[in-house]
Amino acid sequence: VSLLLFAFLLAAFVRVAQGSATVAMVTASGLAAPLVASAALNPSRIALVTIAIGAGASVASHVNDTGFWLVKQYLGLTEAQTFRSWTIGATIAGLTSFGIALLIWPFV
């Protein structure tokens, strides 16, 4: 598994399991850091791994996420509406960011 994919999947897994994007990013960064160091990546590829972690931490916002409830309350949405808008929108943004990082990886 590529380091980029590992970082994304790890952050996404923690995000889904725990709910917090912050915890997902910190956990994935801590676990991926030794791999990044041992791979001797150039600064551009390190930046892409960082983007992959952020993208993974953005997917699947749900009821364990404070941001989910903030969006629901501030926009006056129901839980179902928040799932259909915020959760899907955040997941699309995360997947798109990861896809762009994947496309750029071979060129840096």
Protein backbone atom coordinates (compact mmCIF):
# COMPACT_ATOMS: atom_id res chain seq x y z
CA VAL A 1 0.00 0.00 0.00
CA SER A 2 1.39 3.39 -0.91
CA LEU A 3 2.17 5.82 1.87
CA LEU A 4 -0.31 8.29 0.43
CA LEU A 5 -3.14 5.75 0.46
CA PHE A 6 -2.16 4.50 3.93
CA ALA A 7 -2.28 8.04 5.36
CA PHE A 8 -5.68 8.72 3.79
CA LEU A 9 -7.24 5.43 4.89
CA LEU A 10 -5.85 5.69 8.40
CA ALA A 11 -7.26 9.20 8.88
CA ALA A 12 -10.60 8.17 7.36
CA PHE A 13 -10.81 5.10 9.61
CA VAL A 14 -10.15 7.12 12.77
CA ARG A 15 -12.62 9.78 11.61
CA VAL A 16 -15.41 7.23 11.13
CA ALA A 17 -14.61 5.34 14.32
CA GLN A 18 -14.16 8.32 16.62
CA GLY A 19 -15.89 11.21 14.86
CA SER A 20 -13.39 14.01 15.39
CA ALA A 21 -11.44 15.36 12.43
CA THR A 22 -8.82 16.78 14.78
CA VAL A 23 -8.24 13.44 16.49
CA ALA A 24 -8.14 11.71 13.10
CA MET A 25 -5.47 14.10 11.79
CA VAL A 26 -3.32 13.95 14.91
CA THR A 27 -3.53 10.16 15.13
CA ALA A 28 -2.83 9.60 11.44
CA SER A 29 0.05 12.10 11.51
CA GLY A 30 1.62 10.42 14.50
CA LEU A 31 1.38 6.96 12.96
CA ALA A 32 2.49 8.05 9.49
CA ALA A 33 5.42 10.22 10.62
CA PRO A 34 7.92 7.37 11.09
CA LEU A 35 6.99 5.99 7.66
CA VAL A 36 7.44 9.41 6.07
CA ALA A 37 10.81 9.81 7.78
CA SER A 38 12.04 6.38 6.70
CA ALA A 39 10.85 6.94 3.12
CA ALA A 40 13.02 10.08 2.81
CA LEU A 41 10.35 11.92 0.84
CA ASN A 42 10.98 15.30 -0.71
CA PRO A 43 9.06 18.27 0.75
CA SER A 44 6.46 18.19 -2.01
CA ARG A 45 5.56 14.57 -1.30
CA ILE A 46 5.45 15.26 2.43
CA ALA A 47 2.96 18.02 1.66
CA LEU A 48 0.86 15.56 -0.38
CA VAL A 49 0.85 13.09 2.53
CA THR A 50 -0.33 15.94 4.75
CA ILE A 51 -3.11 16.71 2.27
CA ALA A 52 -4.09 13.01 2.19
CA ILE A 53 -4.36 12.99 5.99
CA GLY A 54 -6.52 16.10 5.94
CA ALA A 55 -8.67 14.64 3.18
CA GLY A 56 -9.16 11.40 5.09
CA ALA A 57 -10.11 13.32 8.20
CA SER A 58 -12.77 15.20 6.22
CA VAL A 59 -14.81 12.23 5.06
CA ALA A 60 -17.93 10.82 6.72
CA SER A 61 -18.81 13.51 9.22
CA HIS A 62 -21.52 12.07 11.44
CA VAL A 63 -23.21 12.47 14.82
CA ASN A 64 -19.99 12.02 16.81
CA ASP A 65 -18.61 15.16 15.16
CA THR A 66 -19.12 18.55 16.77
CA GLY A 67 -19.04 20.16 13.32
CA PHE A 68 -22.04 18.07 12.29
CA TRP A 69 -24.12 19.53 15.12
CA LEU A 70 -22.86 23.08 14.53
CA VAL A 71 -23.90 22.92 10.88
CA LYS A 72 -27.25 21.41 11.84
CA GLN A 73 -27.99 24.09 14.43
CA TYR A 74 -26.68 27.14 12.55
CA LEU A 75 -28.47 26.22 9.34
CA GLY A 76 -31.64 25.01 11.07
CA LEU A 77 -31.47 21.57 9.45
CA THR A 78 -32.81 18.24 10.61
CA GLU A 79 -30.38 15.37 11.20
CA ALA A 80 -31.41 13.79 7.89
CA GLN A 81 -30.85 17.05 6.01
CA THR A 82 -27.46 17.46 7.64
CA PHE A 83 -26.44 13.95 6.59
CA ARG A 84 -27.56 14.64 3.03
CA SER A 85 -25.79 17.98 2.81
CA TRP A 86 -22.89 18.30 5.24
CA THR A 87 -21.82 14.66 5.42
CA ILE A 88 -22.02 14.06 1.68
CA GLY A 89 -20.44 17.42 0.87
CA ALA A 90 -17.53 16.86 3.26
CA THR A 91 -16.99 13.35 1.90
CA ILE A 92 -16.94 14.60 -1.69
CA ALA A 93 -14.46 17.33 -0.70
CA GLY A 94 -12.21 14.80 1.05
CA LEU A 95 -12.30 12.33 -1.82
CA THR A 96 -11.65 15.08 -4.36
CA SER A 97 -8.68 16.39 -2.38
CA PHE A 98 -7.25 12.90 -2.10
CA GLY A 99 -7.78 12.29 -5.81
CA ILE A 100 -5.88 15.46 -6.69
CA ALA A 101 -3.05 14.45 -4.36
CA LEU A 102 -2.92 11.05 -6.09
CA LEU A 103 -2.78 12.72 -9.51
CA ILE A 104 0.04 15.05 -8.49
CA TRP A 105 2.14 12.40 -6.65
CA PRO A 106 3.97 11.00 -9.72
CA PHE A 107 5.01 14.46 -10.88
CA VAL A 108 6.69 15.73 -7.70
